[in-house]
Amino acid sequence: MSIGGTCLTPEQAKAICERIADGRSLRSVCEDDDIPSRSVVYEALEGDADFAGQYARARKRRAEFRADE
């Protein structure tokens, strides 16, 4: 199963959102060996509304995380 017609798996999508919520940037997350490139992530965001919503929530949590620092 893939997200948004890309090679991004549900497990990778979950990991991306968790790492973003923990304060990391997408650029940093995509440098991890288990995560595909940013272009794949951006394509998945365009093609899958559920993933886009999860990603938006993760970014909101990241902003709250950074504000607490």
N, C-alpha and C. Protein backbone atom coordinates (compact mmCIF):
# COMPACT_ATOMS: atom_id res chain seq x y z
N MET A 1 0.85 -1.18 0.00
CA MET A 1 0.00 0.00 0.00
C MET A 1 0.89 1.24 0.00
N SER A 2 0.48 2.23 -0.77
CA SER A 2 1.26 3.46 -0.85
C SER A 2 0.36 4.67 -0.55
N ILE A 3 1.01 5.78 -0.28
CA ILE A 3 0.31 7.03 0.04
C ILE A 3 0.33 7.94 -1.19
N GLY A 4 -0.83 8.40 -1.60
CA GLY A 4 -0.94 9.36 -2.70
C GLY A 4 -0.35 8.89 -4.01
N GLY A 5 -0.34 7.58 -4.25
CA GLY A 5 0.18 7.05 -5.50
C GLY A 5 1.69 7.11 -5.61
N THR A 6 2.38 7.27 -4.49
CA THR A 6 3.85 7.34 -4.48
C THR A 6 4.41 6.08 -3.83
N CYS A 7 5.72 6.06 -3.66
CA CYS A 7 6.37 4.92 -2.99
C CYS A 7 6.34 5.08 -1.47
N LEU A 8 5.75 6.16 -0.96
CA LEU A 8 5.67 6.38 0.49
C LEU A 8 4.70 5.38 1.12
N THR A 9 5.17 4.68 2.13
CA THR A 9 4.33 3.69 2.80
C THR A 9 3.62 4.33 3.99
N PRO A 10 2.55 3.71 4.48
CA PRO A 10 1.88 4.23 5.67
C PRO A 10 2.82 4.32 6.88
N GLU A 11 3.73 3.37 7.00
CA GLU A 11 4.68 3.39 8.11
C GLU A 11 5.61 4.59 8.01
N GLN A 12 6.06 4.89 6.79
CA GLN A 12 6.92 6.04 6.59
C GLN A 12 6.16 7.35 6.84
N ALA A 13 4.91 7.40 6.40
CA ALA A 13 4.09 8.59 6.62
C ALA A 13 3.93 8.84 8.11
N LYS A 14 3.69 7.78 8.86
CA LYS A 14 3.54 7.91 10.32
C LYS A 14 4.85 8.40 10.94
N ALA A 15 5.97 7.83 10.50
CA ALA A 15 7.28 8.23 11.03
C ALA A 15 7.58 9.70 10.71
N ILE A 16 7.25 10.13 9.52
CA ILE A 16 7.45 11.53 9.13
C ILE A 16 6.69 12.44 10.08
N CYS A 17 5.42 12.14 10.28
CA CYS A 17 4.59 12.99 11.13
C CYS A 17 5.08 13.00 12.58
N GLU A 18 5.51 11.85 13.08
CA GLU A 18 6.03 11.79 14.44
C GLU A 18 7.29 12.62 14.59
N ARG A 19 8.18 12.55 13.63
CA ARG A 19 9.44 13.29 13.69
C ARG A 19 9.22 14.79 13.53
N ILE A 20 8.28 15.16 12.68
CA ILE A 20 7.93 16.57 12.52
C ILE A 20 7.36 17.09 13.84
N ALA A 21 6.45 16.35 14.44
CA ALA A 21 5.82 16.77 15.70
C ALA A 21 6.85 16.88 16.82
N ASP A 22 7.94 16.12 16.72
CA ASP A 22 9.00 16.17 17.73
C ASP A 22 9.97 17.33 17.50
N GLY A 23 9.68 18.17 16.51
CA GLY A 23 10.47 19.38 16.33
C GLY A 23 11.40 19.41 15.14
N ARG A 24 11.44 18.35 14.36
CA ARG A 24 12.36 18.30 13.22
C ARG A 24 11.74 18.92 11.97
N SER A 25 12.60 19.37 11.07
CA SER A 25 12.14 19.89 9.78
C SER A 25 11.96 18.73 8.80
N LEU A 26 11.18 18.97 7.76
CA LEU A 26 11.00 17.94 6.74
C LEU A 26 12.34 17.66 6.06
N ARG A 27 13.14 18.69 5.83
CA ARG A 27 14.46 18.49 5.22
C ARG A 27 15.28 17.50 6.06
N SER A 28 15.29 17.69 7.36
CA SER A 28 16.04 16.82 8.26
C SER A 28 15.48 15.40 8.24
N VAL A 29 14.18 15.27 8.31
CA VAL A 29 13.54 13.95 8.32
C VAL A 29 13.87 13.19 7.03
N CYS A 30 13.84 13.88 5.91
CA CYS A 30 14.09 13.23 4.63
C CYS A 30 15.55 12.83 4.43
N GLU A 31 16.41 13.28 5.30
CA GLU A 31 17.81 12.83 5.26
C GLU A 31 17.98 11.47 5.95
N ASP A 32 16.98 11.04 6.70
CA ASP A 32 17.03 9.72 7.35
C ASP A 32 16.96 8.62 6.29
N ASP A 33 17.69 7.55 6.53
CA ASP A 33 17.78 6.46 5.54
C ASP A 33 16.45 5.77 5.26
N ASP A 34 15.53 5.81 6.21
CA ASP A 34 14.26 5.09 6.05
C ASP A 34 13.13 5.94 5.47
N ILE A 35 13.44 7.18 5.07
CA ILE A 35 12.42 8.10 4.56
C ILE A 35 12.79 8.52 3.14
N PRO A 36 11.81 8.55 2.22
CA PRO A 36 12.11 8.97 0.85
C PRO A 36 12.37 10.48 0.75
N SER A 37 12.68 10.94 -0.42
CA SER A 37 13.02 12.34 -0.66
C SER A 37 11.85 13.28 -0.41
N ARG A 38 12.16 14.56 -0.26
CA ARG A 38 11.11 15.56 -0.05
C ARG A 38 10.15 15.61 -1.23
N SER A 39 10.66 15.42 -2.44
CA SER A 39 9.76 15.47 -3.60
C SER A 39 8.70 14.38 -3.53
N VAL A 40 9.08 13.20 -3.04
CA VAL A 40 8.10 12.11 -2.87
C VAL A 40 7.09 12.50 -1.80
N VAL A 41 7.57 13.08 -0.70
CA VAL A 41 6.66 13.48 0.37
C VAL A 41 5.70 14.56 -0.13
N TYR A 42 6.22 15.55 -0.86
CA TYR A 42 5.34 16.60 -1.38
C TYR A 42 4.30 16.04 -2.34
N GLU A 43 4.71 15.08 -3.17
CA GLU A 43 3.76 14.44 -4.09
C GLU A 43 2.68 13.69 -3.31
N ALA A 44 3.09 13.00 -2.25
CA ALA A 44 2.13 12.27 -1.42
C ALA A 44 1.16 13.23 -0.74
N LEU A 45 1.66 14.37 -0.29
CA LEU A 45 0.80 15.37 0.33
C LEU A 45 -0.25 15.89 -0.64
N GLU A 46 0.14 16.05 -1.88
CA GLU A 46 -0.80 16.50 -2.92
C GLU A 46 -1.84 15.44 -3.25
N GLY A 47 -1.43 14.17 -3.17
CA GLY A 47 -2.29 13.09 -3.63
C GLY A 47 -3.11 12.40 -2.55
N ASP A 48 -2.91 12.76 -1.29
CA ASP A 48 -3.62 12.05 -0.22
C ASP A 48 -4.06 13.02 0.87
N ALA A 49 -5.35 13.28 0.92
CA ALA A 49 -5.90 14.26 1.87
C ALA A 49 -5.70 13.82 3.32
N ASP A 50 -5.77 12.53 3.59
CA ASP A 50 -5.57 12.05 4.97
C ASP A 50 -4.14 12.34 5.43
N PHE A 51 -3.17 12.01 4.60
CA PHE A 51 -1.78 12.28 4.94
C PHE A 51 -1.54 13.78 5.08
N ALA A 52 -2.13 14.57 4.20
CA ALA A 52 -1.97 16.03 4.28
C ALA A 52 -2.52 16.54 5.61
N GLY A 53 -3.63 15.99 6.08
CA GLY A 53 -4.19 16.39 7.37
C GLY A 53 -3.29 15.99 8.53
N GLN A 54 -2.76 14.78 8.47
CA GLN A 54 -1.84 14.31 9.51
C GLN A 54 -0.59 15.18 9.55
N TYR A 55 -0.09 15.51 8.39
CA TYR A 55 1.11 16.34 8.28
C TYR A 55 0.85 17.74 8.84
N ALA A 56 -0.30 18.31 8.52
CA ALA A 56 -0.66 19.64 9.04
C ALA A 56 -0.74 19.63 10.57
N ARG A 57 -1.33 18.58 11.12
CA ARG A 57 -1.40 18.45 12.58
C ARG A 57 -0.01 18.31 13.19
N ALA A 58 0.86 17.56 12.53
CA ALA A 58 2.23 17.39 13.02
C ALA A 58 2.97 18.72 13.01
N ARG A 59 2.77 19.51 11.98
CA ARG A 59 3.41 20.83 11.92
C ARG A 59 2.89 21.74 13.03
N LYS A 60 1.62 21.63 13.33
CA LYS A 60 1.05 22.42 14.43
C LYS A 60 1.68 22.01 15.75
N ARG A 61 1.83 20.71 15.96
CA ARG A 61 2.46 20.22 17.20
C ARG A 61 3.92 20.66 17.26
N ARG A 62 4.59 20.68 16.10
CA ARG A 62 5.98 21.14 16.08
C ARG A 62 6.07 22.60 16.50
N ALA A 63 5.16 23.42 16.03
CA ALA A 63 5.14 24.83 16.40
C ALA A 63 4.93 24.98 17.91
N GLU A 64 4.05 24.17 18.46
CA GLU A 64 3.81 24.20 19.91
C GLU A 64 5.05 23.71 20.65
N PHE A 65 5.71 22.68 20.14
CA PHE A 65 6.92 22.15 20.74
C PHE A 65 8.01 23.23 20.78
N ARG A 66 8.18 23.93 19.67
CA ARG A 66 9.21 24.97 19.60
C ARG A 66 8.87 26.15 20.49
N ALA A 67 7.60 26.46 20.62
CA ALA A 67 7.20 27.58 21.47
C ALA A 67 7.46 27.26 22.94
N ASP A 68 7.41 25.99 23.29
CA ASP A 68 7.66 25.57 24.67
C ASP A 68 9.15 25.55 25.02
N GLU A 69 10.01 25.58 24.02
CA GLU A 69 11.46 25.52 24.29
C GLU A 69 11.97 26.81 24.88
